[in-house]
Amino acid sequence: MEKTPIGPKLPEEELIKILTEKEGVGIERSAYPLREHEYNQAGFEELSWSVWESIETLVRDCEDYLASPMIQESFATHEERRSWRKKMAEKYGAAFIDLSRKNKLRGNTIVNLYMGFNQLIRDLETRNIRSPEADRVRDLVGKLVSSTSKCTTPLI
């Protein structure tokens, strides 16, 4: 785990500009807007409060993921990637560490979402919740699994 350097933190937009222009890092910003809103529980009324809270957390995590940038790189090995990340963290501090943790291509982020969706599907099945909304969630998870299994890009 990287240590968070002490010192002033660059604003994220400034860091992205530096990384793309001076370091040659490909960064694709997301067009997905972060939103604050109430979640509609229609079709999921049979879920307990704790399960519904887990769903809200999963939805927020998904929205954060969708709003995050994609940092593209082409290291041949994880060791090269780790060395580069360490160098960038030393050079740009906490701003780089925070940005790299938000990367859409980061394996840990994808795995955590995948595990959250799997738990949600187990909860729906255990409680035998059948509704058009629950079926859309099942379909979405199936598409997510299908699309991520085709990924050939190394994950940062």
Protein backbone atom coordinates (compact mmCIF):
# COMPACT_ATOMS: atom_id res chain seq x y z
CA MET A 1 0.00 0.00 0.00
CA GLU A 2 1.29 3.44 -0.94
CA LYS A 3 2.06 5.92 1.81
CA THR A 4 0.22 9.21 1.46
CA PRO A 5 2.82 11.95 1.01
CA ILE A 6 2.58 15.05 3.17
CA GLY A 7 2.23 18.42 1.48
CA PRO A 8 -0.21 20.45 -0.57
CA LYS A 9 -2.55 18.40 -2.74
CA LEU A 10 -2.97 19.30 -6.39
CA PRO A 11 -6.54 19.75 -7.61
CA GLU A 12 -7.60 16.69 -9.61
CA GLU A 13 -8.15 18.60 -12.87
CA GLU A 14 -4.66 20.11 -12.64
CA LEU A 15 -3.12 16.69 -12.02
CA ILE A 16 -5.00 15.16 -14.97
CA LYS A 17 -3.67 17.94 -17.22
CA ILE A 18 -0.09 17.38 -16.00
CA LEU A 19 -0.32 13.60 -16.37
CA THR A 20 -1.72 13.77 -19.91
CA GLU A 21 0.49 16.60 -21.19
CA LYS A 22 3.80 15.98 -19.39
CA GLU A 23 3.75 12.31 -18.42
CA GLY A 24 2.01 10.93 -21.53
CA VAL A 25 -0.68 9.13 -19.54
CA GLY A 26 -3.94 8.44 -21.34
CA ILE A 27 -6.83 9.58 -19.18
CA GLU A 28 -10.40 9.44 -20.37
CA ARG A 29 -12.73 11.54 -18.27
CA SER A 30 -16.23 10.30 -17.65
CA ALA A 31 -19.27 12.17 -18.91
CA TYR A 32 -21.43 10.50 -16.26
CA PRO A 33 -22.66 13.12 -13.76
CA LEU A 34 -22.64 12.47 -10.02
CA ARG A 35 -26.13 12.97 -8.63
CA GLU A 36 -27.79 13.15 -5.28
CA HIS A 37 -31.22 11.57 -5.28
CA GLU A 38 -33.65 9.35 -3.47
CA TYR A 39 -33.80 5.73 -4.59
CA ASN A 40 -37.06 4.20 -5.70
CA GLN A 41 -37.83 0.98 -3.77
CA ALA A 42 -40.63 -0.11 -6.11
CA GLY A 43 -40.38 -3.81 -6.81
CA PHE A 44 -38.11 -4.41 -3.82
CA GLU A 45 -40.55 -3.81 -0.95
CA GLU A 46 -39.93 -7.28 0.51
CA LEU A 47 -36.29 -6.50 1.26
CA SER A 48 -35.27 -5.74 4.81
CA TRP A 49 -33.92 -2.33 5.74
CA SER A 50 -30.35 -3.65 5.95
CA VAL A 51 -30.52 -5.25 2.49
CA TRP A 52 -32.04 -2.06 1.04
CA GLU A 53 -29.21 -0.05 2.63
CA SER A 54 -26.72 -2.41 0.94
CA ILE A 55 -28.46 -1.81 -2.39
CA GLU A 56 -28.22 1.96 -1.94
CA THR A 57 -24.52 1.63 -1.17
CA LEU A 58 -24.01 -0.53 -4.26
CA VAL A 59 -25.87 1.99 -6.43
CA ARG A 60 -23.73 4.84 -5.06
CA ASP A 61 -20.58 2.78 -5.67
CA CYS A 62 -21.72 2.13 -9.25
CA GLU A 63 -22.42 5.81 -9.81
CA ASP A 64 -18.99 6.72 -8.39
CA TYR A 65 -17.45 4.13 -10.72
CA LEU A 66 -19.29 5.47 -13.75
CA ALA A 67 -18.22 9.05 -12.92
CA SER A 68 -14.57 8.05 -12.47
CA PRO A 69 -11.82 8.55 -15.04
CA MET A 70 -10.20 5.73 -16.98
CA ILE A 71 -6.40 5.79 -16.69
CA GLN A 72 -4.91 3.88 -19.59
CA GLU A 73 -1.41 2.50 -19.58
CA SER A 74 0.40 -0.40 -21.21
CA PHE A 75 2.82 -1.94 -18.77
CA ALA A 76 3.86 -5.49 -19.53
CA THR A 77 3.99 -6.55 -15.89
CA HIS A 78 2.37 -5.64 -12.61
CA GLU A 79 5.85 -4.90 -11.22
CA GLU A 80 6.41 -2.21 -13.89
CA ARG A 81 2.99 -0.74 -13.08
CA ARG A 82 3.74 -0.75 -9.35
CA SER A 83 7.10 0.95 -9.89
CA TRP A 84 5.46 3.63 -12.08
CA ARG A 85 2.69 4.22 -9.53
CA LYS A 86 5.29 4.62 -6.77
CA LYS A 87 7.24 7.14 -8.85
CA MET A 88 4.08 9.13 -9.66
CA ALA A 89 2.98 9.06 -6.00
CA GLU A 90 6.36 10.40 -4.93
CA LYS A 91 6.20 13.10 -7.59
CA TYR A 92 2.53 14.17 -7.29
CA GLY A 93 1.60 13.03 -3.79
CA ALA A 94 -1.85 12.32 -2.43
CA ALA A 95 -3.53 13.74 -5.52
CA PHE A 96 -2.07 10.94 -7.66
CA ILE A 97 -2.89 8.25 -5.10
CA ASP A 98 -6.50 9.44 -4.91
CA LEU A 99 -6.82 9.62 -8.69
CA SER A 100 -5.31 6.17 -9.21
CA ARG A 101 -7.71 4.66 -6.66
CA LYS A 102 -10.63 6.00 -8.73
CA ASN A 103 -9.38 4.46 -11.98
CA LYS A 104 -12.15 2.52 -13.75
CA LEU A 105 -9.59 -0.05 -14.85
CA ARG A 106 -8.37 -0.75 -11.32
CA GLY A 107 -8.93 -4.41 -10.58
CA ASN A 108 -9.92 -3.93 -6.93
CA THR A 109 -12.68 -1.50 -7.88
CA ILE A 110 -14.15 -3.85 -10.47
CA VAL A 111 -13.96 -6.86 -8.16
CA ASN A 112 -15.69 -4.98 -5.32
CA LEU A 113 -18.58 -4.00 -7.59
CA TYR A 114 -18.81 -7.53 -8.94
CA MET A 115 -18.94 -8.97 -5.40
CA GLY A 116 -21.61 -6.44 -4.40
CA PHE A 117 -23.76 -7.41 -7.37
CA ASN A 118 -23.32 -11.10 -6.63
CA GLN A 119 -24.47 -10.53 -3.04
CA LEU A 120 -27.49 -8.59 -4.29
CA ILE A 121 -28.44 -11.44 -6.64
CA ARG A 122 -28.09 -13.93 -3.76
CA ASP A 123 -30.36 -11.73 -1.61
CA LEU A 124 -32.97 -11.53 -4.38
CA GLU A 125 -32.87 -15.30 -4.91
CA THR A 126 -32.90 -16.15 -1.19
CA ARG A 127 -35.97 -13.99 -0.65
CA ASN A 128 -37.52 -15.15 -3.96
CA ILE A 129 -38.10 -11.56 -5.05
CA ARG A 130 -39.70 -11.53 -8.48
CA SER A 131 -40.55 -8.21 -10.06
CA PRO A 132 -39.72 -6.43 -13.31
CA GLU A 133 -37.21 -4.31 -11.39
CA ALA A 134 -35.51 -7.32 -9.80
CA ASP A 135 -35.38 -9.02 -13.21
CA ARG A 136 -33.70 -5.92 -14.67
CA VAL A 137 -31.07 -6.13 -11.92
CA ARG A 138 -30.48 -9.81 -12.75
CA ASP A 139 -30.16 -8.93 -16.45
CA LEU A 140 -27.77 -6.05 -15.70
CA VAL A 141 -25.52 -8.29 -13.60
CA GLY A 142 -25.49 -10.88 -16.39
CA LYS A 143 -24.40 -8.22 -18.88
CA LEU A 144 -21.76 -6.92 -16.47
CA VAL A 145 -20.27 -10.39 -16.03
CA SER A 146 -20.33 -10.96 -19.79
CA SER A 147 -18.69 -7.63 -20.64
CA THR A 148 -15.95 -7.83 -17.99
CA SER A 149 -15.03 -11.38 -18.99
CA LYS A 150 -14.02 -9.98 -22.41
CA CYS A 151 -11.64 -7.42 -20.92
CA THR A 152 -8.07 -7.86 -22.15
CA THR A 153 -6.65 -4.56 -20.89
CA PRO A 154 -4.26 -4.89 -17.94
CA LEU A 155 -5.87 -3.47 -14.83
CA ILE A 156 -3.94 -0.81 -12.88
